[in-house]
Amino acid sequence: MIIEFLIVVRLAEDTEIVDVIHECLAKVLEDNLNEFDDDAVKRMVIPRVQRLGDYGAEENAEPHCRMLFGFALDLPEETANAD
């Protein structure tokens, strides 16, 4: 099953959005009693679109950047509770 997403992310300088998505997906799969190794989970996330916006700073003066990020999740047929 392939599910497509398009999100807007406010990134800190040291944030890798793909790593965050991998971690979240691994946790959700584990919570739903799925057992996939880390490499299999990484292959499930397919980056599609990445567009950087302007850099700025919040009230606390931490620099950040907004990014439009599109990706697909390719979940195997044997995934329990895929919905």
PDB file of N, CA and C in Angstrom:
ATOM      1  N   MET A   1       0.852  -1.159   0.000  1.00  0.00           N
ATOM      2  CA  MET A   1       0.000   0.000   0.000  1.00  0.00           C
ATOM      3  C   MET A   1       0.907   1.233   0.000  1.00  0.00           C
ATOM      4  N   ILE A   2       0.663   2.148  -0.928  1.00  0.00           N
ATOM      5  CA  ILE A   2       1.431   3.391  -0.990  1.00  0.00           C
ATOM      6  C   ILE A   2       0.529   4.541  -0.550  1.00  0.00           C
ATOM      7  N   ILE A   3       1.023   5.323   0.397  1.00  0.00           N
ATOM      8  CA  ILE A   3       0.302   6.484   0.910  1.00  0.00           C
ATOM      9  C   ILE A   3       1.188   7.703   0.691  1.00  0.00           C
ATOM     10  N   GLU A   4       0.643   8.753   0.084  1.00  0.00           N
ATOM     11  CA  GLU A   4       1.426   9.960  -0.220  1.00  0.00           C
ATOM     12  C   GLU A   4       1.095  11.072   0.768  1.00  0.00           C
ATOM     13  N   PHE A   5       2.119  11.844   1.145  1.00  0.00           N
ATOM     14  CA  PHE A   5       1.982  12.954   2.075  1.00  0.00           C
ATOM     15  C   PHE A   5       2.669  14.192   1.510  1.00  0.00           C
ATOM     16  N   LEU A   6       2.136  15.351   1.836  1.00  0.00           N
ATOM     17  CA  LEU A   6       2.767  16.633   1.543  1.00  0.00           C
ATOM     18  C   LEU A   6       2.638  17.463   2.810  1.00  0.00           C
ATOM     19  N   ILE A   7       3.776  17.832   3.401  1.00  0.00           N
ATOM     20  CA  ILE A   7       3.774  18.536   4.678  1.00  0.00           C
ATOM     21  C   ILE A   7       4.635  19.789   4.591  1.00  0.00           C
ATOM     22  N   VAL A   8       4.374  20.727   5.480  1.00  0.00           N
ATOM     23  CA  VAL A   8       5.236  21.895   5.652  1.00  0.00           C
ATOM     24  C   VAL A   8       5.928  21.721   6.998  1.00  0.00           C
ATOM     25  N   VAL A   9       7.242  21.845   6.976  1.00  0.00           N
ATOM     26  CA  VAL A   9       8.049  21.588   8.163  1.00  0.00           C
ATOM     27  C   VAL A   9       8.856  22.823   8.494  1.00  0.00           C
ATOM     28  N   ARG A  10       8.929  23.152   9.768  1.00  0.00           N
ATOM     29  CA  ARG A  10       9.826  24.214  10.224  1.00  0.00           C
ATOM     30  C   ARG A  10      11.048  23.518  10.807  1.00  0.00           C
ATOM     31  N   LEU A  11      12.142  23.611  10.114  1.00  0.00           N
ATOM     32  CA  LEU A  11      13.352  22.880  10.484  1.00  0.00           C
ATOM     33  C   LEU A  11      14.308  23.721  11.299  1.00  0.00           C
ATOM     34  N   ALA A  12      14.896  23.105  12.286  1.00  0.00           N
ATOM     35  CA  ALA A  12      16.050  23.701  12.959  1.00  0.00           C
ATOM     36  C   ALA A  12      17.268  23.356  12.105  1.00  0.00           C
ATOM     37  N   GLU A  13      18.381  24.006  12.356  1.00  0.00           N
ATOM     38  CA  GLU A  13      19.567  23.807  11.513  1.00  0.00           C
ATOM     39  C   GLU A  13      20.052  22.357  11.485  1.00  0.00           C
ATOM     40  N   ASP A  14      19.921  21.636  12.582  1.00  0.00           N
ATOM     41  CA  ASP A  14      20.461  20.282  12.665  1.00  0.00           C
ATOM     42  C   ASP A  14      19.402  19.189  12.499  1.00  0.00           C
ATOM     43  N   THR A  15      18.238  19.510  11.934  1.00  0.00           N
ATOM     44  CA  THR A  15      17.153  18.547  11.797  1.00  0.00           C
ATOM     45  C   THR A  15      17.139  17.937  10.400  1.00  0.00           C
ATOM     46  N   GLU A  16      17.060  16.620  10.342  1.00  0.00           N
ATOM     47  CA  GLU A  16      16.890  15.894   9.082  1.00  0.00           C
ATOM     48  C   GLU A  16      15.485  15.302   9.100  1.00  0.00           C
ATOM     49  N   ILE A  17      14.597  15.826   8.273  1.00  0.00           N
ATOM     50  CA  ILE A  17      13.190  15.422   8.305  1.00  0.00           C
ATOM     51  C   ILE A  17      13.018  13.942   7.984  1.00  0.00           C
ATOM     52  N   VAL A  18      13.815  13.407   7.068  1.00  0.00           N
ATOM     53  CA  VAL A  18      13.682  11.987   6.727  1.00  0.00           C
ATOM     54  C   VAL A  18      13.989  11.116   7.945  1.00  0.00           C
ATOM     55  N   ASP A  19      14.980  11.501   8.740  1.00  0.00           N
ATOM     56  CA  ASP A  19      15.295  10.745   9.954  1.00  0.00           C
ATOM     57  C   ASP A  19      14.144  10.797  10.951  1.00  0.00           C
ATOM     58  N   VAL A  20      13.504  11.940  11.079  1.00  0.00           N
ATOM     59  CA  VAL A  20      12.358  12.078  11.982  1.00  0.00           C
ATOM     60  C   VAL A  20      11.204  11.184  11.513  1.00  0.00           C
ATOM     61  N   ILE A  21      10.946  11.172  10.206  1.00  0.00           N
ATOM     62  CA  ILE A  21       9.876  10.328   9.663  1.00  0.00           C
ATOM     63  C   ILE A  21      10.199   8.856   9.879  1.00  0.00           C
ATOM     64  N   HIS A  22      11.443   8.450   9.647  1.00  0.00           N
ATOM     65  CA  HIS A  22      11.847   7.052   9.898  1.00  0.00           C
ATOM     66  C   HIS A  22      11.588   6.662  11.341  1.00  0.00           C
ATOM     67  N   GLU A  23      12.001   7.510  12.271  1.00  0.00           N
ATOM     68  CA  GLU A  23      11.820   7.209  13.698  1.00  0.00           C
ATOM     69  C   GLU A  23      10.343   7.081  14.059  1.00  0.00           C
ATOM     70  N   CYS A  24       9.529   8.002  13.557  1.00  0.00           N
ATOM     71  CA  CYS A  24       8.089   7.958  13.847  1.00  0.00           C
ATOM     72  C   CYS A  24       7.438   6.713  13.247  1.00  0.00           C
ATOM     73  N   LEU A  25       7.797   6.405  12.004  1.00  0.00           N
ATOM     74  CA  LEU A  25       7.232   5.229  11.354  1.00  0.00           C
ATOM     75  C   LEU A  25       7.637   3.957  12.088  1.00  0.00           C
ATOM     76  N   ALA A  26       8.894   3.847  12.481  1.00  0.00           N
ATOM     77  CA  ALA A  26       9.353   2.669  13.218  1.00  0.00           C
ATOM     78  C   ALA A  26       8.573   2.502  14.518  1.00  0.00           C
ATOM     79  N   LYS A  27       8.327   3.596  15.222  1.00  0.00           N
ATOM     80  CA  LYS A  27       7.576   3.546  16.491  1.00  0.00           C
ATOM     81  C   LYS A  27       6.136   3.111  16.255  1.00  0.00           C
ATOM     82  N   VAL A  28       5.490   3.680  15.238  1.00  0.00           N
ATOM     83  CA  VAL A  28       4.090   3.332  14.941  1.00  0.00           C
ATOM     84  C   VAL A  28       3.980   1.868  14.520  1.00  0.00           C
ATOM     85  N   LEU A  29       4.902   1.417  13.674  1.00  0.00           N
ATOM     86  CA  LEU A  29       4.865   0.014  13.261  1.00  0.00           C
ATOM     87  C   LEU A  29       5.047  -0.912  14.456  1.00  0.00           C
ATOM     88  N   GLU A  30       5.990  -0.594  15.316  1.00  0.00           N
ATOM     89  CA  GLU A  30       6.236  -1.407  16.507  1.00  0.00           C
ATOM     90  C   GLU A  30       5.020  -1.407  17.435  1.00  0.00           C
ATOM     91  N   ASP A  31       4.397  -0.238  17.620  1.00  0.00           N
ATOM     92  CA  ASP A  31       3.218  -0.138  18.490  1.00  0.00           C
ATOM     93  C   ASP A  31       2.043  -0.960  17.949  1.00  0.00           C
ATOM     94  N   ASN A  32       2.031  -1.206  16.637  1.00  0.00           N
ATOM     95  CA  ASN A  32       0.965  -1.999  16.023  1.00  0.00           C
ATOM     96  C   ASN A  32       1.403  -3.436  15.760  1.00  0.00           C
ATOM     97  N   LEU A  33       2.412  -3.871  16.527  1.00  0.00           N
ATOM     98  CA  LEU A  33       2.888  -5.256  16.531  1.00  0.00           C
ATOM     99  C   LEU A  33       3.480  -5.712  15.199  1.00  0.00           C
ATOM    100  N   ASN A  34       4.111  -4.786  14.464  1.00  0.00           N
ATOM    101  CA  ASN A  34       4.832  -5.117  13.247  1.00  0.00           C
ATOM    102  C   ASN A  34       6.310  -5.226  13.584  1.00  0.00           C
ATOM    103  N   GLU A  35       6.968  -6.198  12.988  1.00  0.00           N
ATOM    104  CA  GLU A  35       8.394  -6.372  13.220  1.00  0.00           C
ATOM    105  C   GLU A  35       9.140  -6.231  11.896  1.00  0.00           C
ATOM    106  N   PHE A  36       9.740  -5.058  11.692  1.00  0.00           N
ATOM    107  CA  PHE A  36      10.563  -4.799  10.519  1.00  0.00           C
ATOM    108  C   PHE A  36      11.908  -4.302  11.006  1.00  0.00           C
ATOM    109  N   ASP A  37      12.991  -4.705  10.325  1.00  0.00           N
ATOM    110  CA  ASP A  37      14.298  -4.184  10.716  1.00  0.00           C
ATOM    111  C   ASP A  37      14.424  -2.730  10.265  1.00  0.00           C
ATOM    112  N   ASP A  38      15.418  -2.046  10.807  1.00  0.00           N
ATOM    113  CA  ASP A  38      15.588  -0.613  10.558  1.00  0.00           C
ATOM    114  C   ASP A  38      15.776  -0.298   9.072  1.00  0.00           C
ATOM    115  N   ASP A  39      16.521  -1.145   8.362  1.00  0.00           N
ATOM    116  CA  ASP A  39      16.730  -0.911   6.927  1.00  0.00           C
ATOM    117  C   ASP A  39      15.428  -1.026   6.140  1.00  0.00           C
ATOM    118  N   ALA A  40      14.579  -1.976   6.515  1.00  0.00           N
ATOM    119  CA  ALA A  40      13.285  -2.137   5.835  1.00  0.00           C
ATOM    120  C   ALA A  40      12.413  -0.910   6.053  1.00  0.00           C
ATOM    121  N   VAL A  41      12.418  -0.368   7.273  1.00  0.00           N
ATOM    122  CA  VAL A  41      11.625   0.828   7.572  1.00  0.00           C
ATOM    123  C   VAL A  41      12.143   2.016   6.762  1.00  0.00           C
ATOM    124  N   LYS A  42      13.448   2.148   6.649  1.00  0.00           N
ATOM    125  CA  LYS A  42      14.019   3.250   5.874  1.00  0.00           C
ATOM    126  C   LYS A  42      13.624   3.168   4.401  1.00  0.00           C
ATOM    127  N   ARG A  43      13.534   1.948   3.866  1.00  0.00           N
ATOM    128  CA  ARG A  43      13.133   1.785   2.464  1.00  0.00           C
ATOM    129  C   ARG A  43      11.654   2.106   2.244  1.00  0.00           C
ATOM    130  N   MET A  44      10.859   2.075   3.297  1.00  0.00           N
ATOM    131  CA  MET A  44       9.425   2.373   3.172  1.00  0.00           C
ATOM    132  C   MET A  44       9.155   3.848   2.932  1.00  0.00           C
ATOM    133  N   VAL A  45      10.069   4.725   3.346  1.00  0.00           N
ATOM    134  CA  VAL A  45       9.905   6.174   3.187  1.00  0.00           C
ATOM    135  C   VAL A  45      10.576   6.594   1.883  1.00  0.00           C
ATOM    136  N   ILE A  46       9.780   7.140   0.965  1.00  0.00           N
ATOM    137  CA  ILE A  46      10.293   7.535  -0.348  1.00  0.00           C
ATOM    138  C   ILE A  46      10.128   9.043  -0.501  1.00  0.00           C
ATOM    139  N   PRO A  47      11.213   9.810  -0.359  1.00  0.00           N
ATOM    140  CA  PRO A  47      11.122  11.266  -0.557  1.00  0.00           C
ATOM    141  C   PRO A  47      10.733  11.579  -1.995  1.00  0.00           C
ATOM    142  N   ARG A  48       9.839  12.558  -2.181  1.00  0.00           N
ATOM    143  CA  ARG A  48       9.383  12.920  -3.528  1.00  0.00           C
ATOM    144  C   ARG A  48       9.704  14.378  -3.862  1.00  0.00           C
ATOM    145  N   VAL A  49       9.347  15.304  -2.965  1.00  0.00           N
ATOM    146  CA  VAL A  49       9.497  16.744  -3.230  1.00  0.00           C
ATOM    147  C   VAL A  49      10.136  17.396  -2.015  1.00  0.00           C
ATOM    148  N   GLN A  50      11.073  18.295  -2.268  1.00  0.00           N
ATOM    149  CA  GLN A  50      11.686  19.045  -1.178  1.00  0.00           C
ATOM    150  C   GLN A  50      11.975  20.450  -1.692  1.00  0.00           C
ATOM    151  N   ARG A  51      11.268  21.435  -1.133  1.00  0.00           N
ATOM    152  CA  ARG A  51      11.458  22.832  -1.528  1.00  0.00           C
ATOM    153  C   ARG A  51      11.702  23.665  -0.290  1.00  0.00           C
ATOM    154  N   LEU A  52      12.874  24.283  -0.220  1.00  0.00           N
ATOM    155  CA  LEU A  52      13.223  25.127   0.917  1.00  0.00           C
ATOM    156  C   LEU A  52      12.605  26.502   0.780  1.00  0.00           C
ATOM    157  N   GLY A  53      12.179  27.039   1.901  1.00  0.00           N
ATOM    158  CA  GLY A  53      11.669  28.404   1.951  1.00  0.00           C
ATOM    159  C   GLY A  53      12.732  29.333   2.489  1.00  0.00           C
ATOM    160  N   ASP A  54      12.299  30.451   3.018  1.00  0.00           N
ATOM    161  CA  ASP A  54      13.228  31.432   3.578  1.00  0.00           C
ATOM    162  C   ASP A  54      13.676  31.022   4.972  1.00  0.00           C
ATOM    163  N   TYR A  55      14.891  31.447   5.329  1.00  0.00           N
ATOM    164  CA  TYR A  55      15.381  31.270   6.689  1.00  0.00           C
ATOM    165  C   TYR A  55      14.871  32.426   7.534  1.00  0.00           C
ATOM    166  N   GLY A  56      14.636  32.151   8.809  1.00  0.00           N
ATOM    167  CA  GLY A  56      14.166  33.192   9.709  1.00  0.00           C
ATOM    168  C   GLY A  56      14.508  32.826  11.130  1.00  0.00           C
ATOM    169  N   ALA A  57      13.976  33.600  12.066  1.00  0.00           N
ATOM    170  CA  ALA A  57      14.188  33.326  13.485  1.00  0.00           C
ATOM    171  C   ALA A  57      12.892  33.560  14.229  1.00  0.00           C
ATOM    172  N   GLU A  58      12.638  32.721  15.198  1.00  0.00           N
ATOM    173  CA  GLU A  58      11.464  32.866  16.056  1.00  0.00           C
ATOM    174  C   GLU A  58      11.754  33.892  17.138  1.00  0.00           C
ATOM    175  N   GLU A  59      10.810  34.057  18.043  1.00  0.00           N
ATOM    176  CA  GLU A  59      10.973  35.010  19.142  1.00  0.00           C
ATOM    177  C   GLU A  59      12.198  34.691  20.001  1.00  0.00           C
ATOM    178  N   ASN A  60      12.540  33.393  20.117  1.00  0.00           N
ATOM    179  CA  ASN A  60      13.695  33.005  20.917  1.00  0.00           C
ATOM    180  C   ASN A  60      14.997  33.090  20.124  1.00  0.00           C
ATOM    181  N   ALA A  61      14.946  33.610  18.916  1.00  0.00           N
ATOM    182  CA  ALA A  61      16.095  33.863  18.041  1.00  0.00           C
ATOM    183  C   ALA A  61      16.768  32.600  17.511  1.00  0.00           C
ATOM    184  N   GLU A  62      16.115  31.440  17.631  1.00  0.00           N
ATOM    185  CA  GLU A  62      16.674  30.231  17.038  1.00  0.00           C
ATOM    186  C   GLU A  62      16.407  30.244  15.535  1.00  0.00           C
ATOM    187  N   PRO A  63      17.436  30.047  14.729  1.00  0.00           N
ATOM    188  CA  PRO A  63      17.224  30.047  13.276  1.00  0.00           C
ATOM    189  C   PRO A  63      16.454  28.805  12.832  1.00  0.00           C
ATOM    190  N   HIS A  64      15.660  28.963  11.811  1.00  0.00           N
ATOM    191  CA  HIS A  64      14.910  27.846  11.260  1.00  0.00           C
ATOM    192  C   HIS A  64      14.626  28.117   9.780  1.00  0.00           C
ATOM    193  N   CYS A  65      14.161  27.101   9.128  1.00  0.00           N
ATOM    194  CA  CYS A  65      13.785  27.221   7.724  1.00  0.00           C
ATOM    195  C   CYS A  65      12.490  26.441   7.521  1.00  0.00           C
ATOM    196  N   ARG A  66      11.585  26.995   6.737  1.00  0.00           N
ATOM    197  CA  ARG A  66      10.376  26.257   6.374  1.00  0.00           C
ATOM    198  C   ARG A  66      10.666  25.479   5.101  1.00  0.00           C
ATOM    199  N   MET A  67      10.126  24.272   5.044  1.00  0.00           N
ATOM    200  CA  MET A  67      10.346  23.430   3.885  1.00  0.00           C
ATOM    201  C   MET A  67       9.056  22.706   3.532  1.00  0.00           C
ATOM    202  N   LEU A  68       8.764  22.641   2.252  1.00  0.00           N
ATOM    203  CA  LEU A  68       7.677  21.829   1.731  1.00  0.00           C
ATOM    204  C   LEU A  68       8.291  20.466   1.428  1.00  0.00           C
ATOM    205  N   PHE A  69       7.735  19.417   2.023  1.00  0.00           N
ATOM    206  CA  PHE A  69       8.318  18.086   1.872  1.00  0.00           C
ATOM    207  C   PHE A  69       7.231  17.099   1.490  1.00  0.00           C
ATOM    208  N   GLY A  70       7.394  16.458   0.360  1.00  0.00           N
ATOM    209  CA  GLY A  70       6.471  15.426  -0.091  1.00  0.00           C
ATOM    210  C   GLY A  70       7.157  14.075  -0.027  1.00  0.00           C
ATOM    211  N   PHE A  71       6.444  13.079   0.453  1.00  0.00           N
ATOM    212  CA  PHE A  71       7.009  11.733   0.532  1.00  0.00           C
ATOM    213  C   PHE A  71       5.899  10.706   0.448  1.00  0.00           C
ATOM    214  N   ALA A  72       6.281   9.498   0.146  1.00  0.00           N
ATOM    215  CA  ALA A  72       5.349   8.379   0.109  1.00  0.00           C
ATOM    216  C   ALA A  72       5.794   7.335   1.116  1.00  0.00           C
ATOM    217  N   LEU A  73       4.826   6.638   1.682  1.00  0.00           N
ATOM    218  CA  LEU A  73       5.106   5.470   2.510  1.00  0.00           C
ATOM    219  C   LEU A  73       4.673   4.249   1.716  1.00  0.00           C
ATOM    220  N   ASP A  74       5.597   3.347   1.500  1.00  0.00           N
ATOM    221  CA  ASP A  74       5.307   2.106   0.788  1.00  0.00           C
ATOM    222  C   ASP A  74       5.282   0.978   1.808  1.00  0.00           C
ATOM    223  N   LEU A  75       4.085   0.701   2.328  1.00  0.00           N
ATOM    224  CA  LEU A  75       3.934  -0.320   3.365  1.00  0.00           C
ATOM    225  C   LEU A  75       3.727  -1.688   2.726  1.00  0.00           C
ATOM    226  N   PRO A  76       4.472  -2.690   3.178  1.00  0.00           N
ATOM    227  CA  PRO A  76       4.312  -4.041   2.640  1.00  0.00           C
ATOM    228  C   PRO A  76       2.910  -4.593   2.917  1.00  0.00           C
ATOM    229  N   GLU A  77       2.493  -5.545   2.099  1.00  0.00           N
ATOM    230  CA  GLU A  77       1.160  -6.154   2.242  1.00  0.00           C
ATOM    231  C   GLU A  77       0.969  -6.801   3.610  1.00  0.00           C
ATOM    232  N   GLU A  78       2.057  -7.307   4.193  1.00  0.00           N
ATOM    233  CA  GLU A  78       1.945  -8.014   5.483  1.00  0.00           C
ATOM    234  C   GLU A  78       1.901  -7.069   6.684  1.00  0.00           C
ATOM    235  N   THR A  79       1.833  -5.762   6.458  1.00  0.00           N
ATOM    236  CA  THR A  79       1.780  -4.816   7.546  1.00  0.00           C
ATOM    237  C   THR A  79       0.459  -4.931   8.304  1.00  0.00           C
ATOM    238  N   ALA A  80       0.541  -5.200   9.599  1.00  0.00           N
ATOM    239  CA  ALA A  80      -0.656  -5.281  10.432  1.00  0.00           C
ATOM    240  C   ALA A  80      -1.177  -3.889  10.724  1.00  0.00           C
ATOM    241  N   ASN A  81      -2.489  -3.709  10.699  1.00  0.00           N
ATOM    242  CA  ASN A  81      -3.137  -2.430  10.975  1.00  0.00           C
ATOM    243  C   ASN A  81      -2.583  -1.296  10.118  1.00  0.00           C
ATOM    244  N   ALA A  82      -2.464  -1.522   8.832  1.00  0.00           N
ATOM    245  CA  ALA A  82      -1.864  -0.531   7.919  1.00  0.00           C
ATOM    246  C   ALA A  82      -2.654   0.766   7.866  1.00  0.00           C
ATOM    247  N   ASP A  83      -3.941   0.714   8.150  1.00  0.00           N
ATOM    248  CA  ASP A  83      -4.739   1.942   8.126  1.00  0.00           C
ATOM    249  C   ASP A  83      -4.323   2.864   9.239  1.00  0.00           C
TER     250      ASP A  83
END
